[in-house]
């Protein structure tokens, strides 16, 4: 059975219906016996519903462009860091 901590880590995906069948069943088994987690998920669901009813704020075009550029740079850095690196020893003439 899942712990309360594990349930809170899965809570957003559970509330949005994004969990697979096995994880959804495990969360629901835990909820059947845990008042605290049921209350937490009820609060999460109510908060998400309230936020969906709010009007989307206007974002100034310059701020949007700046944010998108920052996200693009962050993504490029992640891809660069994940790319396979060339071995260092050919540069030493060892091969």
PDB file of N, CA and C in Angstrom:
ATOM      1  N   UNK A   1       0.845  -1.180   0.000  1.00  0.00           N
ATOM      2  CA  UNK A   1       0.000   0.000   0.000  1.00  0.00           C
ATOM      3  C   UNK A   1       0.891   1.244   0.000  1.00  0.00           C
ATOM      4  N   UNK A   2       0.395   2.297  -0.660  1.00  0.00           N
ATOM      5  CA  UNK A   2       1.137   3.550  -0.729  1.00  0.00           C
ATOM      6  C   UNK A   2       1.152   4.263   0.619  1.00  0.00           C
ATOM      7  N   UNK A   3       2.205   5.037   0.843  1.00  0.00           N
ATOM      8  CA  UNK A   3       2.273   5.891   2.028  1.00  0.00           C
ATOM      9  C   UNK A   3       1.579   7.219   1.713  1.00  0.00           C
ATOM     10  N   UNK A   4       1.320   7.996   2.754  1.00  0.00           N
ATOM     11  CA  UNK A   4       0.722   9.320   2.548  1.00  0.00           C
ATOM     12  C   UNK A   4       1.623  10.184   1.667  1.00  0.00           C
ATOM     13  N   UNK A   5       2.915  10.111   1.873  1.00  0.00           N
ATOM     14  CA  UNK A   5       3.852  10.897   1.065  1.00  0.00           C
ATOM     15  C   UNK A   5       3.753  10.509  -0.414  1.00  0.00           C
ATOM     16  N   UNK A   6       3.679   9.215  -0.690  1.00  0.00           N
ATOM     17  CA  UNK A   6       3.559   8.764  -2.074  1.00  0.00           C
ATOM     18  C   UNK A   6       2.248   9.247  -2.698  1.00  0.00           C
ATOM     19  N   UNK A   7       1.177   9.229  -1.913  1.00  0.00           N
ATOM     20  CA  UNK A   7      -0.114   9.693  -2.416  1.00  0.00           C
ATOM     21  C   UNK A   7      -0.039  11.180  -2.750  1.00  0.00           C
ATOM     22  N   UNK A   8       0.598  11.980  -1.888  1.00  0.00           N
ATOM     23  CA  UNK A   8       0.688  13.414  -2.180  1.00  0.00           C
ATOM     24  C   UNK A   8       1.535  13.665  -3.429  1.00  0.00           C
ATOM     25  N   UNK A   9       2.536  12.818  -3.686  1.00  0.00           N
ATOM     26  CA  UNK A   9       3.339  12.970  -4.893  1.00  0.00           C
ATOM     27  C   UNK A   9       2.538  12.644  -6.157  1.00  0.00           C
ATOM     28  N   UNK A  10       1.536  11.784  -6.031  1.00  0.00           N
ATOM     29  CA  UNK A  10       0.706  11.384  -7.161  1.00  0.00           C
ATOM     30  C   UNK A  10      -0.600  12.169  -7.246  1.00  0.00           C
ATOM     31  N   UNK A  11      -0.838  13.034  -6.275  1.00  0.00           N
ATOM     32  CA  UNK A  11      -2.142  13.686  -6.126  1.00  0.00           C
ATOM     33  C   UNK A  11      -2.564  14.482  -7.359  1.00  0.00           C
ATOM     34  N   UNK A  12      -1.680  15.285  -7.910  1.00  0.00           N
ATOM     35  CA  UNK A  12      -2.054  16.110  -9.059  1.00  0.00           C
ATOM     36  C   UNK A  12      -2.419  15.240 -10.248  1.00  0.00           C
ATOM     37  N   UNK A  13      -1.592  14.245 -10.547  1.00  0.00           N
ATOM     38  CA  UNK A  13      -1.903  13.355 -11.666  1.00  0.00           C
ATOM     39  C   UNK A  13      -3.205  12.600 -11.414  1.00  0.00           C
ATOM     40  N   UNK A  14      -3.449  12.172 -10.166  1.00  0.00           N
ATOM     41  CA  UNK A  14      -4.691  11.482  -9.833  1.00  0.00           C
ATOM     42  C   UNK A  14      -5.888  12.392 -10.065  1.00  0.00           C
ATOM     43  N   UNK A  15      -5.808  13.628  -9.576  1.00  0.00           N
ATOM     44  CA  UNK A  15      -6.947  14.540  -9.690  1.00  0.00           C
ATOM     45  C   UNK A  15      -7.228  14.936 -11.137  1.00  0.00           C
ATOM     46  N   UNK A  16      -6.206  14.882 -11.995  1.00  0.00           N
ATOM     47  CA  UNK A  16      -6.382  15.229 -13.403  1.00  0.00           C
ATOM     48  C   UNK A  16      -6.643  14.005 -14.280  1.00  0.00           C
ATOM     49  N   UNK A  17      -6.745  12.826 -13.646  1.00  0.00           N
ATOM     50  CA  UNK A  17      -7.036  11.607 -14.392  1.00  0.00           C
ATOM     51  C   UNK A  17      -5.890  11.125 -15.256  1.00  0.00           C
ATOM     52  N   UNK A  18      -4.654  11.422 -14.854  1.00  0.00           N
ATOM     53  CA  UNK A  18      -3.482  11.087 -15.659  1.00  0.00           C
ATOM     54  C   UNK A  18      -2.768   9.809 -15.227  1.00  0.00           C
ATOM     55  N   UNK A  19      -3.217   9.199 -14.128  1.00  0.00           N
ATOM     56  CA  UNK A  19      -2.548   7.989 -13.654  1.00  0.00           C
ATOM     57  C   UNK A  19      -3.016   6.771 -14.441  1.00  0.00           C
ATOM     58  N   UNK A  20      -2.107   5.819 -14.588  1.00  0.00           N
ATOM     59  CA  UNK A  20      -2.480   4.547 -15.171  1.00  0.00           C
ATOM     60  C   UNK A  20      -3.369   3.779 -14.200  1.00  0.00           C
ATOM     61  N   UNK A  21      -3.949   2.707 -14.682  1.00  0.00           N
ATOM     62  CA  UNK A  21      -4.913   1.942 -13.896  1.00  0.00           C
ATOM     63  C   UNK A  21      -4.321   1.419 -12.587  1.00  0.00           C
ATOM     64  N   UNK A  22      -3.097   0.927 -12.625  1.00  0.00           N
ATOM     65  CA  UNK A  22      -2.483   0.346 -11.425  1.00  0.00           C
ATOM     66  C   UNK A  22      -2.252   1.423 -10.366  1.00  0.00           C
ATOM     67  N   UNK A  23      -1.642   2.547 -10.755  1.00  0.00           N
ATOM     68  CA  UNK A  23      -1.393   3.620  -9.781  1.00  0.00           C
ATOM     69  C   UNK A  23      -2.698   4.230  -9.277  1.00  0.00           C
ATOM     70  N   UNK A  24      -3.677   4.390 -10.156  1.00  0.00           N
ATOM     71  CA  UNK A  24      -4.969   4.935  -9.731  1.00  0.00           C
ATOM     72  C   UNK A  24      -5.605   4.031  -8.668  1.00  0.00           C
ATOM     73  N   UNK A  25      -5.565   2.721  -8.908  1.00  0.00           N
ATOM     74  CA  UNK A  25      -6.120   1.768  -7.937  1.00  0.00           C
ATOM     75  C   UNK A  25      -5.368   1.840  -6.622  1.00  0.00           C
ATOM     76  N   UNK A  26      -4.034   1.961  -6.667  1.00  0.00           N
ATOM     77  CA  UNK A  26      -3.239   2.030  -5.434  1.00  0.00           C
ATOM     78  C   UNK A  26      -3.575   3.291  -4.638  1.00  0.00           C
ATOM     79  N   UNK A  27      -3.738   4.425  -5.336  1.00  0.00           N
ATOM     80  CA  UNK A  27      -4.113   5.671  -4.650  1.00  0.00           C
ATOM     81  C   UNK A  27      -5.492   5.502  -4.028  1.00  0.00           C
ATOM     82  N   UNK A  28      -6.431   4.972  -4.768  1.00  0.00           N
ATOM     83  CA  UNK A  28      -7.793   4.832  -4.262  1.00  0.00           C
ATOM     84  C   UNK A  28      -7.876   3.854  -3.096  1.00  0.00           C
ATOM     85  N   UNK A  29      -7.048   2.813  -3.102  1.00  0.00           N
ATOM     86  CA  UNK A  29      -6.989   1.905  -1.947  1.00  0.00           C
ATOM     87  C   UNK A  29      -6.507   2.652  -0.711  1.00  0.00           C
ATOM     88  N   UNK A  30      -5.497   3.496  -0.876  1.00  0.00           N
ATOM     89  CA  UNK A  30      -4.990   4.270   0.247  1.00  0.00           C
ATOM     90  C   UNK A  30      -6.060   5.246   0.746  1.00  0.00           C
ATOM     91  N   UNK A  31      -6.726   5.912  -0.187  1.00  0.00           N
ATOM     92  CA  UNK A  31      -7.748   6.893   0.189  1.00  0.00           C
ATOM     93  C   UNK A  31      -8.889   6.259   0.971  1.00  0.00           C
ATOM     94  N   UNK A  32      -9.174   5.002   0.687  1.00  0.00           N
ATOM     95  CA  UNK A  32     -10.274   4.321   1.375  1.00  0.00           C
ATOM     96  C   UNK A  32     -10.037   4.254   2.885  1.00  0.00           C
ATOM     97  N   UNK A  33      -8.774   4.284   3.299  1.00  0.00           N
ATOM     98  CA  UNK A  33      -8.474   4.172   4.722  1.00  0.00           C
ATOM     99  C   UNK A  33      -7.755   5.359   5.330  1.00  0.00           C
ATOM    100  N   UNK A  34      -7.666   6.475   4.605  1.00  0.00           N
ATOM    101  CA  UNK A  34      -6.883   7.602   5.121  1.00  0.00           C
ATOM    102  C   UNK A  34      -7.671   8.908   5.022  1.00  0.00           C
ATOM    103  N   UNK A  35      -8.209   9.338   6.148  1.00  0.00           N
ATOM    104  CA  UNK A  35      -8.975  10.590   6.188  1.00  0.00           C
ATOM    105  C   UNK A  35      -8.125  11.791   5.795  1.00  0.00           C
ATOM    106  N   UNK A  36      -6.879  11.823   6.230  1.00  0.00           N
ATOM    107  CA  UNK A  36      -5.998  12.952   5.939  1.00  0.00           C
ATOM    108  C   UNK A  36      -5.766  13.126   4.442  1.00  0.00           C
ATOM    109  N   UNK A  37      -5.494  12.043   3.751  1.00  0.00           N
ATOM    110  CA  UNK A  37      -5.248  12.127   2.309  1.00  0.00           C
ATOM    111  C   UNK A  37      -6.534  12.442   1.552  1.00  0.00           C
ATOM    112  N   UNK A  38      -7.658  11.925   2.018  1.00  0.00           N
ATOM    113  CA  UNK A  38      -8.938  12.279   1.386  1.00  0.00           C
ATOM    114  C   UNK A  38      -9.184  13.784   1.509  1.00  0.00           C
ATOM    115  N   UNK A  39      -8.910  14.341   2.685  1.00  0.00           N
ATOM    116  CA  UNK A  39      -9.089  15.781   2.901  1.00  0.00           C
ATOM    117  C   UNK A  39      -8.118  16.566   2.009  1.00  0.00           C
ATOM    118  N   UNK A  40      -6.879  16.120   1.924  1.00  0.00           N
ATOM    119  CA  UNK A  40      -5.883  16.792   1.087  1.00  0.00           C
ATOM    120  C   UNK A  40      -6.333  16.814  -0.368  1.00  0.00           C
ATOM    121  N   UNK A  41      -6.783  15.673  -0.879  1.00  0.00           N
ATOM    122  CA  UNK A  41      -7.202  15.610  -2.271  1.00  0.00           C
ATOM    123  C   UNK A  41      -8.476  16.416  -2.517  1.00  0.00           C
ATOM    124  N   UNK A  42      -9.355  16.484  -1.535  1.00  0.00           N
ATOM    125  CA  UNK A  42     -10.553  17.319  -1.670  1.00  0.00           C
ATOM    126  C   UNK A  42     -10.149  18.790  -1.774  1.00  0.00           C
ATOM    127  N   UNK A  43      -9.176  19.207  -0.959  1.00  0.00           N
ATOM    128  CA  UNK A  43      -8.689  20.587  -1.019  1.00  0.00           C
ATOM    129  C   UNK A  43      -8.012  20.867  -2.359  1.00  0.00           C
ATOM    130  N   UNK A  44      -7.210  19.930  -2.828  1.00  0.00           N
ATOM    131  CA  UNK A  44      -6.523  20.083  -4.106  1.00  0.00           C
ATOM    132  C   UNK A  44      -7.531  20.220  -5.236  1.00  0.00           C
ATOM    133  N   UNK A  45      -8.540  19.387  -5.237  1.00  0.00           N
ATOM    134  CA  UNK A  45      -9.572  19.420  -6.279  1.00  0.00           C
ATOM    135  C   UNK A  45     -10.357  20.726  -6.227  1.00  0.00           C
ATOM    136  N   UNK A  46     -10.718  21.175  -5.022  1.00  0.00           N
ATOM    137  CA  UNK A  46     -11.464  22.432  -4.878  1.00  0.00           C
ATOM    138  C   UNK A  46     -10.615  23.620  -5.333  1.00  0.00           C
ATOM    139  N   UNK A  47      -9.337  23.621  -4.985  1.00  0.00           N
ATOM    140  CA  UNK A  47      -8.446  24.712  -5.388  1.00  0.00           C
ATOM    141  C   UNK A  47      -8.293  24.747  -6.906  1.00  0.00           C
ATOM    142  N   UNK A  48      -8.088  23.586  -7.517  1.00  0.00           N
ATOM    143  CA  UNK A  48      -7.940  23.533  -8.973  1.00  0.00           C
ATOM    144  C   UNK A  48      -9.217  24.017  -9.653  1.00  0.00           C
ATOM    145  N   UNK A  49     -10.371  23.643  -9.134  1.00  0.00           N
ATOM    146  CA  UNK A  49     -11.635  24.095  -9.707  1.00  0.00           C
ATOM    147  C   UNK A  49     -11.794  25.602  -9.600  1.00  0.00           C
ATOM    148  N   UNK A  50     -11.431  26.160  -8.452  1.00  0.00           N
ATOM    149  CA  UNK A  50     -11.524  27.607  -8.264  1.00  0.00           C
ATOM    150  C   UNK A  50     -10.578  28.335  -9.210  1.00  0.00           C
ATOM    151  N   UNK A  51      -9.376  27.815  -9.395  1.00  0.00           N
ATOM    152  CA  UNK A  51      -8.409  28.452 -10.290  1.00  0.00           C
ATOM    153  C   UNK A  51      -8.870  28.405 -11.740  1.00  0.00           C
ATOM    154  N   UNK A  52      -9.545  27.322 -12.129  1.00  0.00           N
ATOM    155  CA  UNK A  52     -10.048  27.229 -13.503  1.00  0.00           C
ATOM    156  C   UNK A  52     -11.128  28.276 -13.789  1.00  0.00           C
ATOM    157  N   UNK A  53     -11.810  28.727 -12.761  1.00  0.00           N
ATOM    158  CA  UNK A  53     -12.871  29.721 -12.949  1.00  0.00           C
ATOM    159  C   UNK A  53     -12.332  31.153 -13.051  1.00  0.00           C
ATOM    160  N   UNK A  54     -11.086  31.358 -12.696  1.00  0.00           N
ATOM    161  CA  UNK A  54     -10.500  32.697 -12.786  1.00  0.00           C
ATOM    162  C   UNK A  54     -10.202  33.060 -14.232  1.00  0.00           C
ATOM    163  N   UNK A  55     -10.314  34.333 -14.529  1.00  0.00           N
ATOM    164  CA  UNK A  55      -9.949  34.811 -15.866  1.00  0.00           C
ATOM    165  C   UNK A  55      -8.439  34.711 -16.031  1.00  0.00           C
ATOM    166  N   UNK A  56      -8.024  34.384 -17.225  1.00  0.00           N
ATOM    167  CA  UNK A  56      -6.591  34.302 -17.497  1.00  0.00           C
ATOM    168  C   UNK A  56      -6.021  35.713 -17.551  1.00  0.00           C
ATOM    169  N   UNK A  57      -4.967  35.979 -16.812  1.00  0.00           N
ATOM    170  CA  UNK A  57      -4.415  37.338 -16.806  1.00  0.00           C
ATOM    171  C   UNK A  57      -3.717  37.652 -18.138  1.00  0.00           C
ATOM    172  N   UNK A  58      -3.735  38.920 -18.478  1.00  0.00           N
ATOM    173  CA  UNK A  58      -3.027  39.361 -19.675  1.00  0.00           C
ATOM    174  C   UNK A  58      -1.534  39.425 -19.358  1.00  0.00           C
ATOM    175  N   UNK A  59      -0.739  38.909 -20.260  1.00  0.00           N
ATOM    176  CA  UNK A  59       0.722  38.944 -20.090  1.00  0.00           C
ATOM    177  C   UNK A  59       1.269  39.937 -21.109  1.00  0.00           C
ATOM    178  N   UNK A  60       1.985  40.949 -20.652  1.00  0.00           N
ATOM    179  CA  UNK A  60       2.568  41.907 -21.602  1.00  0.00           C
ATOM    180  C   UNK A  60       3.460  41.180 -22.611  1.00  0.00           C
ATOM    181  N   UNK A  61       3.371  41.560 -23.881  1.00  0.00           N
ATOM    182  CA  UNK A  61       4.142  40.866 -24.922  1.00  0.00           C
ATOM    183  C   UNK A  61       5.642  40.785 -24.632  1.00  0.00           C
ATOM    184  N   UNK A  62       6.233  41.837 -24.079  1.00  0.00           N
ATOM    185  CA  UNK A  62       7.674  41.810 -23.796  1.00  0.00           C
ATOM    186  C   UNK A  62       7.992  40.764 -22.724  1.00  0.00           C
ATOM    187  N   UNK A  63       7.131  40.647 -21.715  1.00  0.00           N
ATOM    188  CA  UNK A  63       7.345  39.645 -20.672  1.00  0.00           C
ATOM    189  C   UNK A  63       7.199  38.245 -21.244  1.00  0.00           C
ATOM    190  N   UNK A  64       6.176  38.043 -22.069  1.00  0.00           N
ATOM    191  CA  UNK A  64       5.978  36.733 -22.695  1.00  0.00           C
ATOM    192  C   UNK A  64       7.196  36.338 -23.531  1.00  0.00           C
ATOM    193  N   UNK A  65       7.700  37.265 -24.332  1.00  0.00           N
ATOM    194  CA  UNK A  65       8.878  36.986 -25.166  1.00  0.00           C
ATOM    195  C   UNK A  65      10.085  36.646 -24.301  1.00  0.00           C
ATOM    196  N   UNK A  66      10.267  37.372 -23.218  1.00  0.00           N
ATOM    197  CA  UNK A  66      11.394  37.123 -22.320  1.00  0.00           C
ATOM    198  C   UNK A  66      11.283  35.747 -21.665  1.00  0.00           C
ATOM    199  N   UNK A  67      10.090  35.412 -21.213  1.00  0.00           N
ATOM    200  CA  UNK A  67       9.885  34.100 -20.586  1.00  0.00           C
ATOM    201  C   UNK A  67      10.119  32.968 -21.581  1.00  0.00           C
ATOM    202  N   UNK A  68       9.570  33.110 -22.775  1.00  0.00           N
ATOM    203  CA  UNK A  68       9.759  32.068 -23.792  1.00  0.00           C
ATOM    204  C   UNK A  68      11.225  31.909 -24.161  1.00  0.00           C
ATOM    205  N   UNK A  69      11.950  33.012 -24.268  1.00  0.00           N
ATOM    206  CA  UNK A  69      13.386  32.930 -24.564  1.00  0.00           C
ATOM    207  C   UNK A  69      14.126  32.220 -23.436  1.00  0.00           C
ATOM    208  N   UNK A  70      13.753  32.520 -22.198  1.00  0.00           N
ATOM    209  CA  UNK A  70      14.370  31.847 -21.057  1.00  0.00           C
ATOM    210  C   UNK A  70      14.086  30.358 -21.047  1.00  0.00           C
ATOM    211  N   UNK A  71      12.852  29.969 -21.347  1.00  0.00           N
ATOM    212  CA  UNK A  71      12.499  28.547 -21.399  1.00  0.00           C
ATOM    213  C   UNK A  71      13.250  27.848 -22.524  1.00  0.00           C
ATOM    214  N   UNK A  72      13.357  28.523 -23.688  1.00  0.00           N
ATOM    215  CA  UNK A  72      14.093  27.937 -24.806  1.00  0.00           C
ATOM    216  C   UNK A  72      15.556  27.710 -24.438  1.00  0.00           C
ATOM    217  N   UNK A  73      16.175  28.685 -23.784  1.00  0.00           N
ATOM    218  CA  UNK A  73      17.578  28.554 -23.376  1.00  0.00           C
ATOM    219  C   UNK A  73      17.731  27.426 -22.365  1.00  0.00           C
ATOM    220  N   UNK A  74      16.797  27.342 -21.440  1.00  0.00           N
ATOM    221  CA  UNK A  74      16.833  26.275 -20.433  1.00  0.00           C
ATOM    222  C   UNK A  74      16.731  24.916 -21.108  1.00  0.00           C
ATOM    223  N   UNK A  75      15.823  24.764 -22.088  1.00  0.00           N
ATOM    224  CA  UNK A  75      15.658  23.499 -22.799  1.00  0.00           C
ATOM    225  C   UNK A  75      16.916  23.146 -23.584  1.00  0.00           C
ATOM    226  N   UNK A  76      17.511  24.132 -24.264  1.00  0.00           N
ATOM    227  CA  UNK A  76      18.748  23.868 -25.008  1.00  0.00           C
ATOM    228  C   UNK A  76      19.855  23.389 -24.068  1.00  0.00           C
ATOM    229  N   UNK A  77      19.950  23.996 -22.888  1.00  0.00           N
ATOM    230  CA  UNK A  77      20.976  23.594 -21.915  1.00  0.00           C
ATOM    231  C   UNK A  77      20.727  22.170 -21.438  1.00  0.00           C
ATOM    232  N   UNK A  78      19.471  21.830 -21.180  1.00  0.00           N
ATOM    233  CA  UNK A  78      19.144  20.453 -20.763  1.00  0.00           C
ATOM    234  C   UNK A  78      19.527  19.459 -21.847  1.00  0.00           C
ATOM    235  N   UNK A  79      19.212  19.791 -23.102  1.00  0.00           N
ATOM    236  CA  UNK A  79      19.545  18.896 -24.214  1.00  0.00           C
ATOM    237  C   UNK A  79      21.048  18.773 -24.368  1.00  0.00           C
ATOM    238  N   UNK A  80      21.767  19.894 -24.211  1.00  0.00           N
ATOM    239  CA  UNK A  80      23.229  19.857 -24.317  1.00  0.00           C
ATOM    240  C   UNK A  80      23.821  18.991 -23.218  1.00  0.00           C
ATOM    241  N   UNK A  81      23.310  19.141 -22.017  1.00  0.00           N
ATOM    242  CA  UNK A  81      23.835  18.369 -20.886  1.00  0.00           C
ATOM    243  C   UNK A  81      23.538  16.874 -21.040  1.00  0.00           C
ATOM    244  N   UNK A  82      22.449  16.541 -21.706  1.00  0.00           N
ATOM    245  CA  UNK A  82      22.068  15.137 -21.863  1.00  0.00           C
ATOM    246  C   UNK A  82      22.733  14.482 -23.073  1.00  0.00           C
ATOM    247  N   UNK A  83      23.310  15.281 -23.962  1.00  0.00           N
ATOM    248  CA  UNK A  83      23.929  14.745 -25.181  1.00  0.00           C
ATOM    249  C   UNK A  83      25.161  13.922 -24.826  1.00  0.00           C
ATOM    250  N   UNK A  84      25.369  12.836 -25.560  1.00  0.00           N
ATOM    251  CA  UNK A  84      26.579  12.040 -25.318  1.00  0.00           C
ATOM    252  C   UNK A  84      27.823  12.883 -25.577  1.00  0.00           C
ATOM    253  N   UNK A  85      28.805  12.702 -24.768  1.00  0.00           N
ATOM    254  CA  UNK A  85      30.046  13.467 -24.894  1.00  0.00           C
ATOM    255  C   UNK A  85      31.116  12.610 -25.564  1.00  0.00           C
ATOM    256  N   UNK A  86      31.953  13.289 -26.313  1.00  0.00           N
ATOM    257  CA  UNK A  86      33.071  12.592 -26.947  1.00  0.00           C
ATOM    258  C   UNK A  86      34.087  12.208 -25.886  1.00  0.00           C
ATOM    259  N   UNK A  87      34.727  11.075 -26.064  1.00  0.00           N
ATOM    260  CA  UNK A  87      35.770  10.709 -25.098  1.00  0.00           C
ATOM    261  C   UNK A  87      36.934  11.700 -25.167  1.00  0.00           C
ATOM    262  N   UNK A  88      37.612  11.880 -24.065  1.00  0.00           N
ATOM    263  CA  UNK A  88      38.692  12.856 -23.991  1.00  0.00           C
ATOM    264  C   UNK A  88      40.027  12.294 -24.475  1.00  0.00           C
ATOM    265  N   UNK A  89      40.190  10.971 -24.438  1.00  0.00           N
ATOM    266  CA  UNK A  89      41.510  10.410 -24.714  1.00  0.00           C
ATOM    267  C   UNK A  89      41.968  10.565 -26.165  1.00  0.00           C
ATOM    268  N   UNK A  90      41.143  10.668 -27.222  1.00  0.00           N
ATOM    269  CA  UNK A  90      41.713  10.888 -28.558  1.00  0.00           C
ATOM    270  C   UNK A  90      42.466  12.213 -28.645  1.00  0.00           C
ATOM    271  N   UNK A  91      42.055  13.218 -27.877  1.00  0.00           N
ATOM    272  CA  UNK A  91      42.746  14.505 -27.904  1.00  0.00           C
ATOM    273  C   UNK A  91      44.178  14.390 -27.394  1.00  0.00           C
ATOM    274  N   UNK A  92      44.455  13.362 -26.612  1.00  0.00           N
ATOM    275  CA  UNK A  92      45.812  13.161 -26.107  1.00  0.00           C
ATOM    276  C   UNK A  92      46.675  12.353 -27.062  1.00  0.00           C
ATOM    277  N   UNK A  93      46.102  11.945 -28.182  1.00  0.00           N
ATOM    278  CA  UNK A  93      46.862  11.170 -29.155  1.00  0.00           C
ATOM    279  C   UNK A  93      47.126   9.749 -28.697  1.00  0.00           C
ATOM    280  N   UNK A  94      46.275   9.228 -27.827  1.00  0.00           N
ATOM    281  CA  UNK A  94      46.475   7.871 -27.300  1.00  0.00           C
ATOM    282  C   UNK A  94      45.896   6.820 -28.227  1.00  0.00           C
ATOM    283  N   UNK A  95      45.149   7.219 -29.222  1.00  0.00           N
ATOM    284  CA  UNK A  95      44.554   6.228 -30.127  1.00  0.00           C
ATOM    285  C   UNK A  95      45.197   6.276 -31.486  1.00  0.00           C
TER     286      UNK A  95
END
